Amino acid sequence: MPRTTEKFRQMGDAELETQEHELAEQIFRLRFQHATGQAESLKKLRVVRKDLARVKTLRRERAMKVSDGK
């Protein structure tokens, strides 16, 4: 498992929500930079998109556990 996933797993629910908002904002900025030709590479955008997916997955897993009563 990548280290970033472990880092996200250690965060609380509020921290994950904050992280999700920050990553979404960062994706917006990177996409804007890419559209205007200011971005150097797409690698950073790909990494941030994957991190956002990881955070959303963890939030969903926790929500499912809560709704199941576990």
N, C-alpha and C. Protein backbone atom coordinates (compact mmCIF):
# COMPACT_ATOMS: atom_id res chain seq x y z
N MET A 1 0.83 -1.17 0.00
CA MET A 1 0.00 0.00 0.00
C MET A 1 0.89 1.25 0.00
N PRO A 2 0.56 2.23 -0.78
CA PRO A 2 1.37 3.45 -0.80
C PRO A 2 1.32 4.17 0.55
N ARG A 3 2.36 4.90 0.81
CA ARG A 3 2.43 5.63 2.07
C ARG A 3 1.32 6.67 2.19
N THR A 4 0.92 7.25 1.06
CA THR A 4 -0.12 8.28 1.12
C THR A 4 -1.44 7.70 1.62
N THR A 5 -1.74 6.47 1.26
CA THR A 5 -2.97 5.85 1.72
C THR A 5 -2.93 5.67 3.23
N GLU A 6 -1.80 5.24 3.75
CA GLU A 6 -1.67 5.08 5.19
C GLU A 6 -1.82 6.43 5.90
N LYS A 7 -1.26 7.46 5.31
CA LYS A 7 -1.37 8.80 5.89
C LYS A 7 -2.83 9.22 5.95
N PHE A 8 -3.57 8.96 4.88
CA PHE A 8 -4.99 9.32 4.85
C PHE A 8 -5.79 8.49 5.84
N ARG A 9 -5.44 7.22 6.01
CA ARG A 9 -6.17 6.35 6.94
C ARG A 9 -6.03 6.82 8.38
N GLN A 10 -4.93 7.47 8.70
CA GLN A 10 -4.70 7.95 10.06
C GLN A 10 -5.45 9.24 10.37
N MET A 11 -5.97 9.89 9.34
CA MET A 11 -6.68 11.15 9.53
C MET A 11 -8.09 10.89 10.05
N GLY A 12 -8.61 11.88 10.75
CA GLY A 12 -9.99 11.81 11.22
C GLY A 12 -10.94 12.23 10.11
N ASP A 13 -12.22 12.11 10.38
CA ASP A 13 -13.23 12.44 9.38
C ASP A 13 -13.16 13.92 8.96
N ALA A 14 -13.01 14.79 9.92
CA ALA A 14 -12.95 16.23 9.62
C ALA A 14 -11.71 16.55 8.79
N GLU A 15 -10.60 15.91 9.13
CA GLU A 15 -9.36 16.14 8.38
C GLU A 15 -9.49 15.64 6.94
N LEU A 16 -10.16 14.50 6.77
CA LEU A 16 -10.37 13.97 5.42
C LEU A 16 -11.24 14.91 4.58
N GLU A 17 -12.25 15.48 5.21
CA GLU A 17 -13.11 16.41 4.50
C GLU A 17 -12.32 17.65 4.07
N THR A 18 -11.50 18.16 4.97
CA THR A 18 -10.66 19.31 4.64
C THR A 18 -9.69 18.97 3.53
N GLN A 19 -9.09 17.79 3.62
CA GLN A 19 -8.14 17.34 2.60
C GLN A 19 -8.82 17.22 1.24
N GLU A 20 -10.06 16.72 1.23
CA GLU A 20 -10.80 16.57 -0.02
C GLU A 20 -11.02 17.93 -0.68
N HIS A 21 -11.39 18.91 0.12
CA HIS A 21 -11.60 20.26 -0.43
C HIS A 21 -10.30 20.86 -0.97
N GLU A 22 -9.22 20.66 -0.23
CA GLU A 22 -7.93 21.20 -0.67
C GLU A 22 -7.46 20.54 -1.97
N LEU A 23 -7.62 19.23 -2.07
CA LEU A 23 -7.21 18.53 -3.28
C LEU A 23 -8.06 18.94 -4.49
N ALA A 24 -9.37 19.11 -4.26
CA ALA A 24 -10.24 19.54 -5.36
C ALA A 24 -9.84 20.93 -5.85
N GLU A 25 -9.50 21.80 -4.93
CA GLU A 25 -9.06 23.15 -5.29
C GLU A 25 -7.73 23.10 -6.04
N GLN A 26 -6.84 22.24 -5.59
CA GLN A 26 -5.54 22.09 -6.25
C GLN A 26 -5.70 21.55 -7.67
N ILE A 27 -6.62 20.61 -7.85
CA ILE A 27 -6.90 20.09 -9.20
C ILE A 27 -7.41 21.20 -10.10
N PHE A 28 -8.30 22.03 -9.57
CA PHE A 28 -8.82 23.15 -10.36
C PHE A 28 -7.68 24.06 -10.81
N ARG A 29 -6.79 24.40 -9.86
CA ARG A 29 -5.67 25.29 -10.21
C ARG A 29 -4.73 24.65 -11.23
N LEU A 30 -4.45 23.36 -11.06
CA LEU A 30 -3.56 22.68 -12.00
C LEU A 30 -4.18 22.58 -13.39
N ARG A 31 -5.48 22.31 -13.45
CA ARG A 31 -6.16 22.25 -14.75
C ARG A 31 -6.16 23.62 -15.42
N PHE A 32 -6.34 24.66 -14.64
CA PHE A 32 -6.33 26.02 -15.18
C PHE A 32 -4.93 26.35 -15.71
N GLN A 33 -3.90 26.01 -14.96
CA GLN A 33 -2.53 26.25 -15.40
C GLN A 33 -2.23 25.48 -16.68
N HIS A 34 -2.71 24.25 -16.75
CA HIS A 34 -2.48 23.45 -17.95
C HIS A 34 -3.17 24.07 -19.16
N ALA A 35 -4.39 24.56 -18.96
CA ALA A 35 -5.15 25.16 -20.06
C ALA A 35 -4.50 26.44 -20.57
N THR A 36 -3.85 27.17 -19.68
CA THR A 36 -3.19 28.41 -20.10
C THR A 36 -1.74 28.19 -20.51
N GLY A 37 -1.29 26.94 -20.46
CA GLY A 37 0.06 26.63 -20.90
C GLY A 37 1.14 26.90 -19.87
N GLN A 38 0.76 27.08 -18.61
CA GLN A 38 1.73 27.38 -17.56
C GLN A 38 2.24 26.13 -16.84
N ALA A 39 1.54 25.02 -16.96
CA ALA A 39 1.93 23.80 -16.25
C ALA A 39 3.10 23.12 -16.95
N GLU A 40 4.04 22.64 -16.15
CA GLU A 40 5.22 21.97 -16.70
C GLU A 40 4.91 20.53 -17.10
N SER A 41 4.19 19.82 -16.25
CA SER A 41 3.90 18.43 -16.56
C SER A 41 2.54 18.03 -16.00
N LEU A 42 2.02 16.98 -16.53
CA LEU A 42 0.73 16.47 -16.07
C LEU A 42 0.88 15.50 -14.91
N LYS A 43 2.11 15.14 -14.58
CA LYS A 43 2.33 14.16 -13.52
C LYS A 43 1.73 14.62 -12.19
N LYS A 44 1.91 15.88 -11.84
CA LYS A 44 1.38 16.41 -10.58
C LYS A 44 -0.14 16.33 -10.58
N LEU A 45 -0.77 16.65 -11.71
CA LEU A 45 -2.22 16.57 -11.80
C LEU A 45 -2.70 15.14 -11.60
N ARG A 46 -2.03 14.19 -12.20
CA ARG A 46 -2.40 12.78 -12.04
C ARG A 46 -2.28 12.32 -10.59
N VAL A 47 -1.20 12.72 -9.94
CA VAL A 47 -0.98 12.33 -8.54
C VAL A 47 -2.06 12.91 -7.65
N VAL A 48 -2.40 14.18 -7.86
CA VAL A 48 -3.41 14.83 -7.04
C VAL A 48 -4.78 14.21 -7.27
N ARG A 49 -5.10 13.88 -8.52
CA ARG A 49 -6.38 13.23 -8.81
C ARG A 49 -6.49 11.88 -8.12
N LYS A 50 -5.40 11.12 -8.09
CA LYS A 50 -5.41 9.82 -7.42
C LYS A 50 -5.56 9.99 -5.90
N ASP A 51 -4.88 11.00 -5.35
CA ASP A 51 -5.02 11.27 -3.92
C ASP A 51 -6.46 11.64 -3.57
N LEU A 52 -7.10 12.44 -4.42
CA LEU A 52 -8.49 12.81 -4.19
C LEU A 52 -9.37 11.56 -4.22
N ALA A 53 -9.12 10.67 -5.15
CA ALA A 53 -9.89 9.43 -5.22
C ALA A 53 -9.69 8.59 -3.97
N ARG A 54 -8.47 8.55 -3.45
CA ARG A 54 -8.20 7.80 -2.22
C ARG A 54 -8.98 8.38 -1.05
N VAL A 55 -8.97 9.70 -0.94
CA VAL A 55 -9.68 10.36 0.16
C VAL A 55 -11.18 10.09 0.05
N LYS A 56 -11.73 10.23 -1.15
CA LYS A 56 -13.16 9.98 -1.33
C LYS A 56 -13.52 8.53 -1.01
N THR A 57 -12.65 7.61 -1.38
CA THR A 57 -12.90 6.19 -1.09
C THR A 57 -12.91 5.94 0.41
N LEU A 58 -11.95 6.51 1.12
CA LEU A 58 -11.90 6.32 2.57
C LEU A 58 -13.13 6.93 3.25
N ARG A 59 -13.54 8.11 2.80
CA ARG A 59 -14.73 8.74 3.39
C ARG A 59 -15.96 7.87 3.13
N ARG A 60 -16.05 7.29 1.94
CA ARG A 60 -17.18 6.43 1.60
C ARG A 60 -17.16 5.16 2.43
N GLU A 61 -15.99 4.56 2.60
CA GLU A 61 -15.86 3.36 3.43
C GLU A 61 -16.34 3.63 4.85
N ARG A 62 -15.91 4.76 5.40
CA ARG A 62 -16.31 5.10 6.77
C ARG A 62 -17.79 5.36 6.86
N ALA A 63 -18.37 6.00 5.86
CA ALA A 63 -19.80 6.26 5.85
C ALA A 63 -20.58 4.95 5.78
N MET A 64 -20.08 4.00 5.02
CA MET A 64 -20.75 2.71 4.91
C MET A 64 -20.69 1.95 6.24
N LYS A 65 -19.58 2.02 6.93
CA LYS A 65 -19.44 1.35 8.22
C LYS A 65 -20.41 1.95 9.23
N VAL A 66 -20.55 3.27 9.21
CA VAL A 66 -21.45 3.94 10.14
C VAL A 66 -22.90 3.55 9.84
N SER A 67 -23.25 3.52 8.57
CA SER A 67 -24.63 3.19 8.22
C SER A 67 -24.95 1.72 8.48
N ASP A 68 -23.95 0.86 8.48
CA ASP A 68 -24.15 -0.56 8.77
C ASP A 68 -24.25 -0.81 10.27
N GLY A 69 -23.85 0.18 11.06
CA GLY A 69 -23.90 0.04 12.50
C GLY A 69 -22.70 -0.63 13.10
N LYS A 70 -21.61 -0.67 12.37
CA LYS A 70 -20.38 -1.34 12.86
C LYS A 70 -19.49 -0.36 13.55
